[in-house]
Amino acid sequence: MGQHSLSVTDPRIERRVAGAVLAGGRSVRFGGEKAAALLAGTPLVMWAARRLERSCVAVAVNARPETAAESLARAAGLAVLHDAPGDAAGPLAGVKAGLVWAQRLGARALAVSPCDAPLLPEDLFPRLIEAAGEGAAMAVTEDGRQPLCAVWPVGALTAVAAALAGGAHPPTWRVLESLQAQRVHFESAAAFASLNTREDLAAVAARFANLGGPET
């Protein structure tokens, strides 16, 4: 995979949206590093990265140092982003790291994805990017907000850094709401389900085996 050269006519160049997989969680319920767990022979973190690559000019992985997620990302030629020292652990710290990186790349926005939701809709990021325009957008389903599936403008870095100041870590959705993020509705709440246990992974693997691949 990796960050390959893009044709000047590739629409990803014009969109100028970078992508980041949030893979810094400790996976306590999973009983091991979830991002590295295999589904149909591919680590979960790579399922997420490949989905982002179809819409983004560059993709990085937010991971803790010296983890399998970090090693997998580097082996795939992806940038690795660590949370800033002093930031409270959680997805918003990963968003901040992603925004710093995206700004350095000259991107106008950052699309973020969880590492543990391999059934996400194929049109997730195209729809979010279109709805965001120059602002922010997040997915919603009948189960409510899905703030780990979102697009953040790089200009949101100031607001995210302020939200994390002093070791705080407010809910990610609250920061997106403060940015007046557009809500993009998706029909299937099940498509956004996280694989929190080995049993969850086994159930999805069985579906993949029956279908010959992921549902899109």
Protein backbone atom coordinates (compact mmCIF):
# COMPACT_ATOMS: atom_id res chain seq x y z
CA MET A 1 0.00 0.00 0.00
CA GLY A 2 1.93 3.09 1.21
CA GLN A 3 1.82 6.67 0.01
CA HIS A 4 2.24 6.33 -3.72
CA SER A 5 2.44 9.09 -6.32
CA LEU A 6 -0.88 10.47 -7.47
CA SER A 7 -1.75 11.70 -10.93
CA VAL A 8 -2.40 15.44 -11.13
CA THR A 9 -5.89 14.56 -12.39
CA ASP A 10 -6.66 12.38 -9.36
CA PRO A 11 -9.66 13.94 -7.55
CA ARG A 12 -7.94 13.34 -4.21
CA ILE A 13 -5.42 16.05 -5.12
CA GLU A 14 -8.16 18.64 -5.60
CA ARG A 15 -9.99 17.64 -2.41
CA ARG A 16 -6.80 18.07 -0.33
CA VAL A 17 -8.16 15.90 2.47
CA ALA A 18 -5.76 13.82 4.55
CA GLY A 19 -6.89 10.76 6.51
CA ALA A 20 -6.02 9.36 9.92
CA VAL A 21 -6.88 6.01 11.49
CA LEU A 22 -7.41 6.28 15.25
CA ALA A 23 -5.63 3.22 16.63
CA GLY A 24 -4.35 4.41 19.98
CA GLY A 25 -6.82 2.62 22.24
CA ARG A 26 -5.72 -0.01 24.74
CA SER A 27 -8.28 -2.66 23.67
CA VAL A 28 -8.88 -3.86 27.23
CA ARG A 29 -12.09 -5.77 26.46
CA PHE A 30 -10.54 -7.30 23.35
CA GLY A 31 -7.74 -8.91 25.32
CA GLY A 32 -4.98 -7.85 22.93
CA GLU A 33 -4.14 -5.14 20.46
CA LYS A 34 -7.31 -4.80 18.44
CA ALA A 35 -5.78 -2.81 15.58
CA ALA A 36 -3.50 -5.74 14.74
CA ALA A 37 -6.20 -8.42 14.82
CA LEU A 38 -6.66 -10.16 11.48
CA LEU A 39 -9.88 -10.15 9.50
CA ALA A 40 -9.76 -12.15 6.26
CA GLY A 41 -5.98 -12.11 6.59
CA THR A 42 -5.66 -8.32 6.91
CA PRO A 43 -5.12 -6.36 10.15
CA LEU A 44 -8.10 -4.24 11.15
CA VAL A 45 -5.98 -1.07 11.04
CA MET A 46 -5.24 -1.75 7.37
CA TRP A 47 -8.93 -2.19 6.52
CA ALA A 48 -9.45 1.33 7.86
CA ALA A 49 -6.39 2.76 6.13
CA ARG A 50 -7.37 1.33 2.77
CA ARG A 51 -10.86 2.80 3.04
CA LEU A 52 -9.41 6.24 3.76
CA GLU A 53 -6.90 5.93 0.93
CA ARG A 54 -9.72 5.77 -1.59
CA SER A 55 -10.76 9.31 -0.64
CA CYS A 56 -7.66 10.94 0.84
CA VAL A 57 -4.44 12.32 -0.59
CA ALA A 58 -2.40 10.80 2.27
CA VAL A 59 -3.15 8.51 5.22
CA ALA A 60 -1.54 8.19 8.66
CA VAL A 61 -2.13 6.01 11.71
CA ASN A 62 -2.44 7.45 15.21
CA ALA A 63 -0.94 4.81 17.49
CA ARG A 64 0.86 4.41 20.78
CA PRO A 65 4.64 4.01 20.59
CA GLU A 66 6.08 0.51 20.29
CA THR A 67 2.80 -1.16 19.39
CA ALA A 68 1.86 -3.55 16.62
CA ALA A 69 -0.29 -0.81 15.05
CA GLU A 70 2.76 1.41 14.77
CA SER A 71 4.83 -1.41 13.24
CA LEU A 72 2.10 -2.33 10.75
CA ALA A 73 1.68 1.27 9.65
CA ARG A 74 5.40 1.77 9.13
CA ALA A 75 5.65 -1.49 7.19
CA ALA A 76 2.87 -0.25 4.91
CA GLY A 77 4.66 3.05 4.33
CA LEU A 78 2.13 5.08 6.30
CA ALA A 79 2.98 7.99 8.58
CA VAL A 80 2.68 7.25 12.30
CA LEU A 81 1.29 9.91 14.63
CA HIS A 82 1.74 9.85 18.40
CA ASP A 83 -0.37 11.86 20.83
CA ALA A 84 1.32 15.01 22.07
CA PRO A 85 2.92 14.75 25.53
CA GLY A 86 0.50 15.92 28.17
CA ASP A 87 -2.65 15.29 26.14
CA ALA A 88 -5.16 13.03 27.85
CA ALA A 89 -5.48 9.63 26.20
CA GLY A 90 -8.50 9.38 23.93
CA PRO A 91 -9.69 9.93 20.38
CA LEU A 92 -9.59 13.72 20.54
CA ALA A 93 -5.83 13.60 21.22
CA GLY A 94 -5.52 11.49 18.06
CA VAL A 95 -7.56 14.03 16.11
CA LYS A 96 -5.22 16.77 17.31
CA ALA A 97 -2.16 14.81 16.19
CA GLY A 98 -3.84 14.23 12.84
CA LEU A 99 -4.68 17.91 12.37
CA VAL A 100 -1.09 18.95 13.11
CA TRP A 101 0.12 16.46 10.49
CA ALA A 102 -2.53 17.44 7.94
CA GLN A 103 -1.70 21.11 8.34
CA ARG A 104 1.98 20.34 7.77
CA LEU A 105 1.04 18.50 4.55
CA GLY A 106 -0.90 21.50 3.29
CA ALA A 107 -4.22 19.63 3.45
CA ARG A 108 -7.38 21.61 4.07
CA ALA A 109 -9.13 18.92 6.13
CA LEU A 110 -8.66 15.64 7.98
CA ALA A 111 -10.94 12.60 7.67
CA VAL A 112 -10.78 10.28 10.67
CA SER A 113 -11.75 6.64 11.07
CA PRO A 114 -11.79 4.19 13.96
CA CYS A 115 -9.56 1.15 13.48
CA ASP A 116 -12.14 -1.40 14.60
CA ALA A 117 -15.20 -0.92 12.38
CA PRO A 118 -14.56 -2.91 9.17
CA LEU A 119 -18.19 -2.79 8.01
CA LEU A 120 -18.30 0.99 7.54
CA PRO A 121 -20.19 2.06 4.40
CA GLU A 122 -18.10 2.35 1.26
CA ASP A 123 -19.53 5.82 0.60
CA LEU A 124 -18.79 7.06 4.14
CA PHE A 125 -15.90 9.38 3.41
CA PRO A 126 -17.03 10.65 0.00
CA ARG A 127 -20.30 11.74 1.60
CA LEU A 128 -18.66 13.26 4.67
CA ILE A 129 -16.13 15.18 2.59
CA GLU A 130 -18.85 16.54 0.32
CA ALA A 131 -21.09 17.54 3.23
CA ALA A 132 -18.26 19.20 5.16
CA GLY A 133 -17.37 21.66 2.44
CA GLU A 134 -14.94 24.03 4.16
CA GLY A 135 -16.17 23.00 7.61
CA ALA A 136 -16.72 19.82 9.62
CA ALA A 137 -19.05 16.83 9.23
CA MET A 138 -19.81 13.67 11.17
CA ALA A 139 -21.81 10.55 10.54
CA VAL A 140 -25.05 9.87 12.39
CA THR A 141 -27.29 6.81 12.48
CA GLU A 142 -30.48 5.86 14.30
CA ASP A 143 -28.19 5.06 17.24
CA GLY A 144 -26.96 8.67 17.35
CA ARG A 145 -23.73 10.47 16.57
CA GLN A 146 -20.72 8.58 15.21
CA PRO A 147 -17.99 11.14 16.02
CA LEU A 148 -15.07 8.86 15.20
CA CYS A 149 -16.25 8.94 11.59
CA ALA A 150 -15.83 12.60 10.78
CA VAL A 151 -14.12 15.29 8.73
CA TRP A 152 -12.34 18.12 10.51
CA PRO A 153 -11.07 21.32 8.86
CA VAL A 154 -7.43 21.98 9.71
CA GLY A 155 -8.56 25.31 11.14
CA ALA A 156 -10.19 23.32 13.96
CA LEU A 157 -6.75 22.65 15.45
CA THR A 158 -7.02 25.70 17.71
CA ALA A 159 -10.37 24.57 19.10
CA VAL A 160 -9.20 20.99 19.60
CA ALA A 161 -6.02 22.09 21.37
CA ALA A 162 -8.05 24.37 23.63
CA ALA A 163 -10.46 21.52 24.44
CA LEU A 164 -7.52 19.33 25.50
CA ALA A 165 -5.81 22.03 27.57
CA GLY A 166 -4.93 21.14 31.13
CA GLY A 167 -5.33 17.41 30.59
CA ALA A 168 -9.04 17.62 29.78
CA HIS A 169 -10.65 15.31 27.22
CA PRO A 170 -14.23 16.34 26.43
CA PRO A 171 -16.40 14.10 24.26
CA THR A 172 -15.32 14.25 20.64
CA TRP A 173 -18.88 14.86 19.50
CA ARG A 174 -19.10 17.95 21.68
CA VAL A 175 -16.14 19.55 19.94
CA LEU A 176 -17.61 18.68 16.54
CA GLU A 177 -20.92 20.25 17.58
CA SER A 178 -19.05 23.42 18.64
CA LEU A 179 -17.69 23.55 15.08
CA GLN A 180 -21.26 23.29 13.74
CA ALA A 181 -20.42 20.01 12.02
CA GLN A 182 -22.84 18.89 9.36
CA ARG A 183 -24.66 15.68 10.27
CA VAL A 184 -24.65 13.06 7.54
CA HIS A 185 -27.22 10.31 8.07
CA PHE A 186 -26.48 6.67 7.25
CA GLU A 187 -29.18 4.02 7.28
CA SER A 188 -27.29 1.09 8.79
CA ALA A 189 -26.29 1.58 12.41
CA ALA A 190 -24.85 -1.95 12.36
CA ALA A 191 -22.27 -0.86 9.78
CA PHE A 192 -20.70 1.40 12.40
CA ALA A 193 -20.39 -1.28 15.07
CA SER A 194 -17.00 -1.56 16.74
CA LEU A 195 -15.41 -4.97 17.27
CA ASN A 196 -14.91 -4.80 21.02
CA THR A 197 -14.38 -8.51 21.74
CA ARG A 198 -12.89 -11.57 20.07
CA GLU A 199 -16.45 -12.85 19.69
CA ASP A 200 -17.37 -9.72 17.70
CA LEU A 201 -14.42 -10.33 15.40
CA ALA A 202 -15.34 -14.01 14.94
CA ALA A 203 -18.92 -13.08 14.02
CA VAL A 204 -17.79 -10.62 11.35
CA ALA A 205 -15.19 -13.06 10.05
CA ALA A 206 -17.96 -15.64 9.61
CA ARG A 207 -20.01 -13.11 7.63
CA PHE A 208 -17.01 -12.36 5.43
CA ALA A 209 -16.48 -16.06 4.80
CA ASN A 210 -20.11 -16.48 3.76
CA LEU A 211 -20.14 -13.39 1.54
CA GLY A 212 -16.65 -13.69 0.10
CA GLY A 213 -15.68 -10.27 1.49
CA PRO A 214 -17.10 -7.20 3.25
CA GLU A 215 -20.54 -5.86 2.50
CA THR A 216 -20.41 -2.49 0.76
